PDB file of N, CA and C in Angstrom:
ATOM      1  N   MET A   1     -31.973   1.131  -6.301  1.00  0.00           N
ATOM      2  CA  MET A   1     -31.759   0.548  -7.605  1.00  0.00           C
ATOM      3  C   MET A   1     -31.821  -0.973  -7.473  1.00  0.00           C
ATOM      4  N   ASP A   2     -32.607  -1.592  -8.308  1.00  0.00           N
ATOM      5  CA  ASP A   2     -32.737  -3.041  -8.213  1.00  0.00           C
ATOM      6  C   ASP A   2     -31.578  -3.741  -8.936  1.00  0.00           C
ATOM      7  N   ASN A   3     -31.501  -5.040  -8.719  1.00  0.00           N
ATOM      8  CA  ASN A   3     -30.387  -5.819  -9.257  1.00  0.00           C
ATOM      9  C   ASN A   3     -30.354  -5.811 -10.781  1.00  0.00           C
ATOM     10  N   ARG A   4     -31.511  -5.793 -11.400  1.00  0.00           N
ATOM     11  CA  ARG A   4     -31.580  -5.802 -12.866  1.00  0.00           C
ATOM     12  C   ARG A   4     -30.934  -4.534 -13.454  1.00  0.00           C
ATOM     13  N   ARG A   5     -31.215  -3.386 -12.867  1.00  0.00           N
ATOM     14  CA  ARG A   5     -30.638  -2.131 -13.367  1.00  0.00           C
ATOM     15  C   ARG A   5     -29.132  -2.086 -13.137  1.00  0.00           C
ATOM     16  N   ILE A   6     -28.694  -2.634 -12.017  1.00  0.00           N
ATOM     17  CA  ILE A   6     -27.256  -2.683 -11.747  1.00  0.00           C
ATOM     18  C   ILE A   6     -26.563  -3.565 -12.779  1.00  0.00           C
ATOM     19  N   LEU A   7     -27.149  -4.732 -13.062  1.00  0.00           N
ATOM     20  CA  LEU A   7     -26.585  -5.629 -14.068  1.00  0.00           C
ATOM     21  C   LEU A   7     -26.557  -4.958 -15.439  1.00  0.00           C
ATOM     22  N   ASP A   8     -27.624  -4.245 -15.796  1.00  0.00           N
ATOM     23  CA  ASP A   8     -27.667  -3.548 -17.081  1.00  0.00           C
ATOM     24  C   ASP A   8     -26.567  -2.506 -17.190  1.00  0.00           C
ATOM     25  N   ARG A   9     -26.335  -1.772 -16.125  1.00  0.00           N
ATOM     26  CA  ARG A   9     -25.274  -0.752 -16.158  1.00  0.00           C
ATOM     27  C   ARG A   9     -23.886  -1.377 -16.237  1.00  0.00           C
ATOM     28  N   VAL A  10     -23.690  -2.466 -15.525  1.00  0.00           N
ATOM     29  CA  VAL A  10     -22.393  -3.157 -15.588  1.00  0.00           C
ATOM     30  C   VAL A  10     -22.150  -3.680 -17.002  1.00  0.00           C
ATOM     31  N   VAL A  11     -23.171  -4.265 -17.598  1.00  0.00           N
ATOM     32  CA  VAL A  11     -23.049  -4.807 -18.953  1.00  0.00           C
ATOM     33  C   VAL A  11     -22.740  -3.693 -19.947  1.00  0.00           C
ATOM     34  N   ALA A  12     -23.465  -2.583 -19.859  1.00  0.00           N
ATOM     35  CA  ALA A  12     -23.229  -1.461 -20.767  1.00  0.00           C
ATOM     36  C   ALA A  12     -21.843  -0.856 -20.562  1.00  0.00           C
ATOM     37  N   THR A  13     -21.406  -0.767 -19.323  1.00  0.00           N
ATOM     38  CA  THR A  13     -20.069  -0.235 -19.035  1.00  0.00           C
ATOM     39  C   THR A  13     -18.992  -1.139 -19.622  1.00  0.00           C
ATOM     40  N   LEU A  14     -19.171  -2.436 -19.507  1.00  0.00           N
ATOM     41  CA  LEU A  14     -18.218  -3.371 -20.108  1.00  0.00           C
ATOM     42  C   LEU A  14     -18.180  -3.212 -21.624  1.00  0.00           C
ATOM     43  N   GLY A  15     -19.332  -2.955 -22.223  1.00  0.00           N
ATOM     44  CA  GLY A  15     -19.368  -2.734 -23.663  1.00  0.00           C
ATOM     45  C   GLY A  15     -18.604  -1.496 -24.083  1.00  0.00           C
ATOM     46  N   VAL A  16     -18.777  -0.408 -23.359  1.00  0.00           N
ATOM     47  CA  VAL A  16     -18.052   0.828 -23.676  1.00  0.00           C
ATOM     48  C   VAL A  16     -16.552   0.631 -23.451  1.00  0.00           C
ATOM     49  N   LEU A  17     -16.189  -0.014 -22.361  1.00  0.00           N
ATOM     50  CA  LEU A  17     -14.768  -0.293 -22.112  1.00  0.00           C
ATOM     51  C   LEU A  17     -14.187  -1.195 -23.194  1.00  0.00           C
ATOM     52  N   GLY A  18     -14.987  -2.133 -23.674  1.00  0.00           N
ATOM     53  CA  GLY A  18     -14.548  -2.993 -24.773  1.00  0.00           C
ATOM     54  C   GLY A  18     -14.297  -2.213 -26.047  1.00  0.00           C
ATOM     55  N   LEU A  19     -15.132  -1.212 -26.304  1.00  0.00           N
ATOM     56  CA  LEU A  19     -14.895  -0.361 -27.475  1.00  0.00           C
ATOM     57  C   LEU A  19     -13.554   0.364 -27.363  1.00  0.00           C
ATOM     58  N   PHE A  20     -13.261   0.868 -26.173  1.00  0.00           N
ATOM     59  CA  PHE A  20     -11.972   1.526 -25.992  1.00  0.00           C
ATOM     60  C   PHE A  20     -10.824   0.514 -26.034  1.00  0.00           C
ATOM     61  N   GLY A  21     -11.125  -0.744 -25.721  1.00  0.00           N
ATOM     62  CA  GLY A  21     -10.110  -1.791 -25.804  1.00  0.00           C
ATOM     63  C   GLY A  21      -9.720  -2.136 -27.237  1.00  0.00           C
ATOM     64  N   VAL A  22     -10.648  -2.000 -28.174  1.00  0.00           N
ATOM     65  CA  VAL A  22     -10.327  -2.293 -29.577  1.00  0.00           C
ATOM     66  C   VAL A  22      -9.808  -1.061 -30.322  1.00  0.00           C
ATOM     67  N   LEU A  23      -9.905   0.109 -29.723  1.00  0.00           N
ATOM     68  CA  LEU A  23      -9.445   1.336 -30.381  1.00  0.00           C
ATOM     69  C   LEU A  23      -7.981   1.278 -30.808  1.00  0.00           C
ATOM     70  N   PRO A  24      -7.049   0.741 -30.010  1.00  0.00           N
ATOM     71  CA  PRO A  24      -5.656   0.683 -30.479  1.00  0.00           C
ATOM     72  C   PRO A  24      -5.481  -0.103 -31.775  1.00  0.00           C
ATOM     73  N   PHE A  25      -6.305  -1.105 -31.999  1.00  0.00           N
ATOM     74  CA  PHE A  25      -6.226  -1.858 -33.249  1.00  0.00           C
ATOM     75  C   PHE A  25      -6.629  -0.981 -34.433  1.00  0.00           C
ATOM     76  N   PHE A  26      -7.645  -0.152 -34.236  1.00  0.00           N
ATOM     77  CA  PHE A  26      -8.094   0.743 -35.294  1.00  0.00           C
ATOM     78  C   PHE A  26      -7.029   1.789 -35.603  1.00  0.00           C
ATOM     79  N   VAL A  27      -6.367   2.288 -34.577  1.00  0.00           N
ATOM     80  CA  VAL A  27      -5.313   3.285 -34.779  1.00  0.00           C
ATOM     81  C   VAL A  27      -4.094   2.634 -35.429  1.00  0.00           C
ATOM     82  N   ALA A  28      -3.747   1.442 -34.998  1.00  0.00           N
ATOM     83  CA  ALA A  28      -2.574   0.752 -35.530  1.00  0.00           C
ATOM     84  C   ALA A  28      -2.799   0.225 -36.941  1.00  0.00           C
ATOM     85  N   ALA A  29      -4.014   0.287 -37.432  1.00  0.00           N
ATOM     86  CA  ALA A  29      -4.277  -0.146 -38.804  1.00  0.00           C
ATOM     87  C   ALA A  29      -3.467   0.669 -39.794  1.00  0.00           C
ATOM     88  N   GLY A  30      -3.050   1.852 -39.395  1.00  0.00           N
ATOM     89  CA  GLY A  30      -2.241   2.695 -40.258  1.00  0.00           C
ATOM     90  C   GLY A  30      -0.883   2.102 -40.601  1.00  0.00           C
ATOM     91  N   LEU A  31      -0.465   1.082 -39.906  1.00  0.00           N
ATOM     92  CA  LEU A  31       0.798   0.431 -40.226  1.00  0.00           C
ATOM     93  C   LEU A  31       0.703  -0.382 -41.508  1.00  0.00           C
ATOM     94  N   ALA A  32      -0.499  -0.825 -41.864  1.00  0.00           N
ATOM     95  CA  ALA A  32      -0.662  -1.639 -43.065  1.00  0.00           C
ATOM     96  C   ALA A  32      -1.646  -1.032 -44.058  1.00  0.00           C
ATOM     97  N   ALA A  33      -2.612  -0.299 -43.573  1.00  0.00           N
ATOM     98  CA  ALA A  33      -3.665   0.233 -44.434  1.00  0.00           C
ATOM     99  C   ALA A  33      -3.332   1.664 -44.861  1.00  0.00           C
ATOM    100  N   PRO A  34      -3.863   2.066 -46.014  1.00  0.00           N
ATOM    101  CA  PRO A  34      -3.669   3.462 -46.434  1.00  0.00           C
ATOM    102  C   PRO A  34      -4.486   4.418 -45.566  1.00  0.00           C
ATOM    103  N   LEU A  35      -4.165   5.689 -45.675  1.00  0.00           N
ATOM    104  CA  LEU A  35      -4.792   6.701 -44.833  1.00  0.00           C
ATOM    105  C   LEU A  35      -6.310   6.713 -44.973  1.00  0.00           C
ATOM    106  N   TRP A  36      -6.820   6.584 -46.182  1.00  0.00           N
ATOM    107  CA  TRP A  36      -8.267   6.640 -46.376  1.00  0.00           C
ATOM    108  C   TRP A  36      -8.969   5.494 -45.636  1.00  0.00           C
ATOM    109  N   ALA A  37      -8.349   4.327 -45.594  1.00  0.00           N
ATOM    110  CA  ALA A  37      -8.950   3.188 -44.896  1.00  0.00           C
ATOM    111  C   ALA A  37      -8.928   3.408 -43.384  1.00  0.00           C
ATOM    112  N   VAL A  38      -7.845   3.982 -42.880  1.00  0.00           N
ATOM    113  CA  VAL A  38      -7.752   4.257 -41.450  1.00  0.00           C
ATOM    114  C   VAL A  38      -8.792   5.294 -41.046  1.00  0.00           C
ATOM    115  N   VAL A  39      -8.978   6.316 -41.868  1.00  0.00           N
ATOM    116  CA  VAL A  39      -9.983   7.343 -41.577  1.00  0.00           C
ATOM    117  C   VAL A  39     -11.371   6.721 -41.555  1.00  0.00           C
ATOM    118  N   LEU A  40     -11.673   5.852 -42.506  1.00  0.00           N
ATOM    119  CA  LEU A  40     -12.976   5.180 -42.521  1.00  0.00           C
ATOM    120  C   LEU A  40     -13.157   4.264 -41.316  1.00  0.00           C
ATOM    121  N   LEU A  41     -12.113   3.545 -40.947  1.00  0.00           N
ATOM    122  CA  LEU A  41     -12.204   2.675 -39.767  1.00  0.00           C
ATOM    123  C   LEU A  41     -12.438   3.492 -38.493  1.00  0.00           C
ATOM    124  N   LEU A  42     -11.732   4.596 -38.349  1.00  0.00           N
ATOM    125  CA  LEU A  42     -11.916   5.433 -37.154  1.00  0.00           C
ATOM    126  C   LEU A  42     -13.289   6.091 -37.150  1.00  0.00           C
ATOM    127  N   ALA A  43     -13.800   6.458 -38.313  1.00  0.00           N
ATOM    128  CA  ALA A  43     -15.158   7.012 -38.391  1.00  0.00           C
ATOM    129  C   ALA A  43     -16.177   5.948 -37.990  1.00  0.00           C
ATOM    130  N   PHE A  44     -15.959   4.720 -38.432  1.00  0.00           N
ATOM    131  CA  PHE A  44     -16.852   3.621 -38.036  1.00  0.00           C
ATOM    132  C   PHE A  44     -16.802   3.405 -36.533  1.00  0.00           C
ATOM    133  N   TRP A  45     -15.602   3.462 -35.948  1.00  0.00           N
ATOM    134  CA  TRP A  45     -15.475   3.298 -34.499  1.00  0.00           C
ATOM    135  C   TRP A  45     -16.222   4.404 -33.772  1.00  0.00           C
ATOM    136  N   LEU A  46     -16.113   5.631 -34.268  1.00  0.00           N
ATOM    137  CA  LEU A  46     -16.830   6.748 -33.649  1.00  0.00           C
ATOM    138  C   LEU A  46     -18.343   6.567 -33.725  1.00  0.00           C
ATOM    139  N   VAL A  47     -18.832   6.056 -34.834  1.00  0.00           N
ATOM    140  CA  VAL A  47     -20.266   5.771 -34.960  1.00  0.00           C
ATOM    141  C   VAL A  47     -20.677   4.729 -33.920  1.00  0.00           C
ATOM    142  N   LEU A  48     -19.868   3.704 -33.753  1.00  0.00           N
ATOM    143  CA  LEU A  48     -20.176   2.690 -32.736  1.00  0.00           C
ATOM    144  C   LEU A  48     -20.173   3.296 -31.332  1.00  0.00           C
ATOM    145  N   LEU A  49     -19.263   4.213 -31.061  1.00  0.00           N
ATOM    146  CA  LEU A  49     -19.224   4.866 -29.757  1.00  0.00           C
ATOM    147  C   LEU A  49     -20.478   5.702 -29.532  1.00  0.00           C
ATOM    148  N   VAL A  50     -20.919   6.419 -30.542  1.00  0.00           N
ATOM    149  CA  VAL A  50     -22.148   7.212 -30.422  1.00  0.00           C
ATOM    150  C   VAL A  50     -23.342   6.298 -30.185  1.00  0.00           C
ATOM    151  N   VAL A  51     -23.410   5.189 -30.901  1.00  0.00           N
ATOM    152  CA  VAL A  51     -24.495   4.221 -30.681  1.00  0.00           C
ATOM    153  C   VAL A  51     -24.440   3.697 -29.250  1.00  0.00           C
ATOM    154  N   ALA A  52     -23.245   3.389 -28.765  1.00  0.00           N
ATOM    155  CA  ALA A  52     -23.103   2.865 -27.401  1.00  0.00           C
ATOM    156  C   ALA A  52     -23.581   3.879 -26.367  1.00  0.00           C
ATOM    157  N   ILE A  53     -23.237   5.140 -26.574  1.00  0.00           N
ATOM    158  CA  ILE A  53     -23.655   6.163 -25.616  1.00  0.00           C
ATOM    159  C   ILE A  53     -25.168   6.354 -25.652  1.00  0.00           C
ATOM    160  N   ARG A  54     -25.732   6.368 -26.855  1.00  0.00           N
ATOM    161  CA  ARG A  54     -27.178   6.585 -26.973  1.00  0.00           C
ATOM    162  C   ARG A  54     -27.986   5.398 -26.440  1.00  0.00           C
ATOM    163  N   GLN A  55     -27.442   4.192 -26.561  1.00  0.00           N
ATOM    164  CA  GLN A  55     -28.168   2.996 -26.145  1.00  0.00           C
ATOM    165  C   GLN A  55     -27.769   2.509 -24.752  1.00  0.00           C
ATOM    166  N   PHE A  56     -26.960   3.269 -24.052  1.00  0.00           N
ATOM    167  CA  PHE A  56     -26.408   2.835 -22.765  1.00  0.00           C
ATOM    168  C   PHE A  56     -27.504   2.403 -21.788  1.00  0.00           C
ATOM    169  N   THR A  57     -28.547   3.191 -21.648  1.00  0.00           N
ATOM    170  CA  THR A  57     -29.604   2.844 -20.694  1.00  0.00           C
ATOM    171  C   THR A  57     -30.774   2.121 -21.350  1.00  0.00           C
ATOM    172  N   ARG A  58     -30.959   2.313 -22.656  1.00  0.00           N
ATOM    173  CA  ARG A  58     -32.096   1.676 -23.329  1.00  0.00           C
ATOM    174  C   ARG A  58     -31.847   0.227 -23.686  1.00  0.00           C
ATOM    175  N   ARG A  59     -30.662  -0.066 -24.231  1.00  0.00           N
ATOM    176  CA  ARG A  59     -30.324  -1.422 -24.671  1.00  0.00           C
ATOM    177  C   ARG A  59     -28.894  -1.768 -24.261  1.00  0.00           C
ATOM    178  N   PRO A  60     -28.672  -2.027 -22.998  1.00  0.00           N
ATOM    179  CA  PRO A  60     -27.294  -2.276 -22.533  1.00  0.00           C
ATOM    180  C   PRO A  60     -26.677  -3.537 -23.126  1.00  0.00           C
ATOM    181  N   TRP A  61     -27.483  -4.536 -23.441  1.00  0.00           N
ATOM    182  CA  TRP A  61     -26.932  -5.773 -23.998  1.00  0.00           C
ATOM    183  C   TRP A  61     -26.464  -5.560 -25.431  1.00  0.00           C
ATOM    184  N   LEU A  62     -27.070  -4.621 -26.138  1.00  0.00           N
ATOM    185  CA  LEU A  62     -26.588  -4.250 -27.465  1.00  0.00           C
ATOM    186  C   LEU A  62     -25.217  -3.589 -27.357  1.00  0.00           C
ATOM    187  N   VAL A  63     -25.045  -2.757 -26.349  1.00  0.00           N
ATOM    188  CA  VAL A  63     -23.761  -2.079 -26.131  1.00  0.00           C
ATOM    189  C   VAL A  63     -22.660  -3.105 -25.892  1.00  0.00           C
ATOM    190  N   LEU A  64     -22.974  -4.174 -25.202  1.00  0.00           N
ATOM    191  CA  LEU A  64     -21.988  -5.226 -24.947  1.00  0.00           C
ATOM    192  C   LEU A  64     -21.554  -5.915 -26.241  1.00  0.00           C
ATOM    193  N   ALA A  65     -22.419  -5.969 -27.228  1.00  0.00           N
ATOM    194  CA  ALA A  65     -22.088  -6.626 -28.493  1.00  0.00           C
ATOM    195  C   ALA A  65     -21.237  -5.749 -29.407  1.00  0.00           C
ATOM    196  N   LEU A  66     -21.232  -4.453 -29.202  1.00  0.00           N
ATOM    197  CA  LEU A  66     -20.547  -3.541 -30.117  1.00  0.00           C
ATOM    198  C   LEU A  66     -19.031  -3.764 -30.221  1.00  0.00           C
ATOM    199  N   PRO A  67     -18.310  -4.075 -29.146  1.00  0.00           N
ATOM    200  CA  PRO A  67     -16.874  -4.350 -29.315  1.00  0.00           C
ATOM    201  C   PRO A  67     -16.606  -5.558 -30.210  1.00  0.00           C
ATOM    202  N   PHE A  68     -17.479  -6.541 -30.160  1.00  0.00           N
ATOM    203  CA  PHE A  68     -17.318  -7.716 -31.021  1.00  0.00           C
ATOM    204  C   PHE A  68     -17.576  -7.362 -32.480  1.00  0.00           C
ATOM    205  N   VAL A  69     -18.547  -6.498 -32.703  1.00  0.00           N
ATOM    206  CA  VAL A  69     -18.812  -6.000 -34.056  1.00  0.00           C
ATOM    207  C   VAL A  69     -17.603  -5.210 -34.548  1.00  0.00           C
ATOM    208  N   ALA A  70     -17.072  -4.351 -33.702  1.00  0.00           N
ATOM    209  CA  ALA A  70     -15.909  -3.543 -34.077  1.00  0.00           C
ATOM    210  C   ALA A  70     -14.712  -4.427 -34.410  1.00  0.00           C
ATOM    211  N   ALA A  71     -14.452  -5.423 -33.593  1.00  0.00           N
ATOM    212  CA  ALA A  71     -13.318  -6.316 -33.838  1.00  0.00           C
ATOM    213  C   ALA A  71     -13.505  -7.098 -35.131  1.00  0.00           C
ATOM    214  N   ALA A  72     -14.720  -7.551 -35.391  1.00  0.00           N
ATOM    215  CA  ALA A  72     -14.985  -8.302 -36.617  1.00  0.00           C
ATOM    216  C   ALA A  72     -14.811  -7.428 -37.851  1.00  0.00           C
ATOM    217  N   VAL A  73     -15.280  -6.201 -37.798  1.00  0.00           N
ATOM    218  CA  VAL A  73     -15.132  -5.291 -38.940  1.00  0.00           C
ATOM    219  C   VAL A  73     -13.666  -4.957 -39.161  1.00  0.00           C
ATOM    220  N   TRP A  74     -12.924  -4.715 -38.085  1.00  0.00           N
ATOM    221  CA  TRP A  74     -11.500  -4.424 -38.224  1.00  0.00           C
ATOM    222  C   TRP A  74     -10.773  -5.609 -38.851  1.00  0.00           C
ATOM    223  N   TRP A  75     -11.025  -6.802 -38.342  1.00  0.00           N
ATOM    224  CA  TRP A  75     -10.354  -7.994 -38.853  1.00  0.00           C
ATOM    225  C   TRP A  75     -10.703  -8.230 -40.321  1.00  0.00           C
ATOM    226  N   LEU A  76     -11.967  -8.103 -40.654  1.00  0.00           N
ATOM    227  CA  LEU A  76     -12.403  -8.305 -42.035  1.00  0.00           C
ATOM    228  C   LEU A  76     -11.781  -7.265 -42.964  1.00  0.00           C
ATOM    229  N   THR A  77     -11.760  -6.020 -42.528  1.00  0.00           N
ATOM    230  CA  THR A  77     -11.163  -4.958 -43.341  1.00  0.00           C
ATOM    231  C   THR A  77      -9.683  -5.205 -43.576  1.00  0.00           C
ATOM    232  N   MET A  78      -8.964  -5.543 -42.543  1.00  0.00           N
ATOM    233  CA  MET A  78      -7.525  -5.756 -42.677  1.00  0.00           C
ATOM    234  C   MET A  78      -7.232  -7.009 -43.508  1.00  0.00           C
ATOM    235  N   THR A  79      -8.015  -8.051 -43.319  1.00  0.00           N
ATOM    236  CA  THR A  79      -7.797  -9.287 -44.071  1.00  0.00           C
ATOM    237  C   THR A  79      -8.091  -9.093 -45.547  1.00  0.00           C
ATOM    238  N   LEU A  80      -9.234  -8.485 -45.847  1.00  0.00           N
ATOM    239  CA  LEU A  80      -9.574  -8.243 -47.247  1.00  0.00           C
ATOM    240  C   LEU A  80      -8.638  -7.217 -47.872  1.00  0.00           C
ATOM    241  N   GLY A  81      -8.227  -6.223 -47.112  1.00  0.00           N
ATOM    242  CA  GLY A  81      -7.285  -5.242 -47.629  1.00  0.00           C
ATOM    243  C   GLY A  81      -5.957  -5.865 -48.011  1.00  0.00           C
ATOM    244  N   GLU A  82      -5.518  -6.805 -47.204  1.00  0.00           N
ATOM    245  CA  GLU A  82      -4.254  -7.467 -47.494  1.00  0.00           C
ATOM    246  C   GLU A  82      -4.376  -8.407 -48.682  1.00  0.00           C
ATOM    247  N   SER A  83      -5.422  -9.207 -48.720  1.00  0.00           N
ATOM    248  CA  SER A  83      -5.519 -10.217 -49.775  1.00  0.00           C
ATOM    249  C   SER A  83      -6.041  -9.658 -51.099  1.00  0.00           C
ATOM    250  N   VAL A  84      -6.967  -8.720 -51.062  1.00  0.00           N
ATOM    251  CA  VAL A  84      -7.559  -8.205 -52.292  1.00  0.00           C
ATOM    252  C   VAL A  84      -6.869  -6.926 -52.781  1.00  0.00           C
ATOM    253  N   LEU A  85      -6.566  -6.028 -51.867  1.00  0.00           N
ATOM    254  CA  LEU A  85      -6.018  -4.726 -52.254  1.00  0.00           C
ATOM    255  C   LEU A  85      -4.504  -4.640 -52.140  1.00  0.00           C
ATOM    256  N   GLY A  86      -3.887  -5.670 -51.584  1.00  0.00           N
ATOM    257  CA  GLY A  86      -2.429  -5.704 -51.515  1.00  0.00           C
ATOM    258  C   GLY A  86      -1.799  -4.837 -50.447  1.00  0.00           C
ATOM    259  N   TRP A  87      -2.515  -4.554 -49.365  1.00  0.00           N
ATOM    260  CA  TRP A  87      -1.945  -3.770 -48.282  1.00  0.00           C
ATOM    261  C   TRP A  87      -0.858  -4.585 -47.610  1.00  0.00           C
ATOM    262  N   GLN A  88       0.260  -3.938 -47.316  1.00  0.00           N
ATOM    263  CA  GLN A  88       1.360  -4.619 -46.650  1.00  0.00           C
ATOM    264  C   GLN A  88       1.915  -3.731 -45.555  1.00  0.00           C
ATOM    265  N   ALA A  89       2.386  -4.366 -44.518  1.00  0.00           N
ATOM    266  CA  ALA A  89       2.988  -3.613 -43.399  1.00  0.00           C
ATOM    267  C   ALA A  89       4.409  -3.226 -43.745  1.00  0.00           C
TER     268      ALA A  89
END
């Protein structure tokens, strides 16, 4: 295995681990968000996980970006939910 493939696998692995790193935030959203919002957030996280698994060998650098996308969507959802929809902890 050449160095490029090793780097690609390390990058993709970090991306998948990053997705699991943001999962507690999605689960803890239930402290402030209603059940329907938590279900939608967890469904979105699952879609990102499926994308990460499917793109693991084809586009490893995309997989690395997915935890940042997940964190941004979670933050935006919680912020807008609090300010616009009145969600409170």
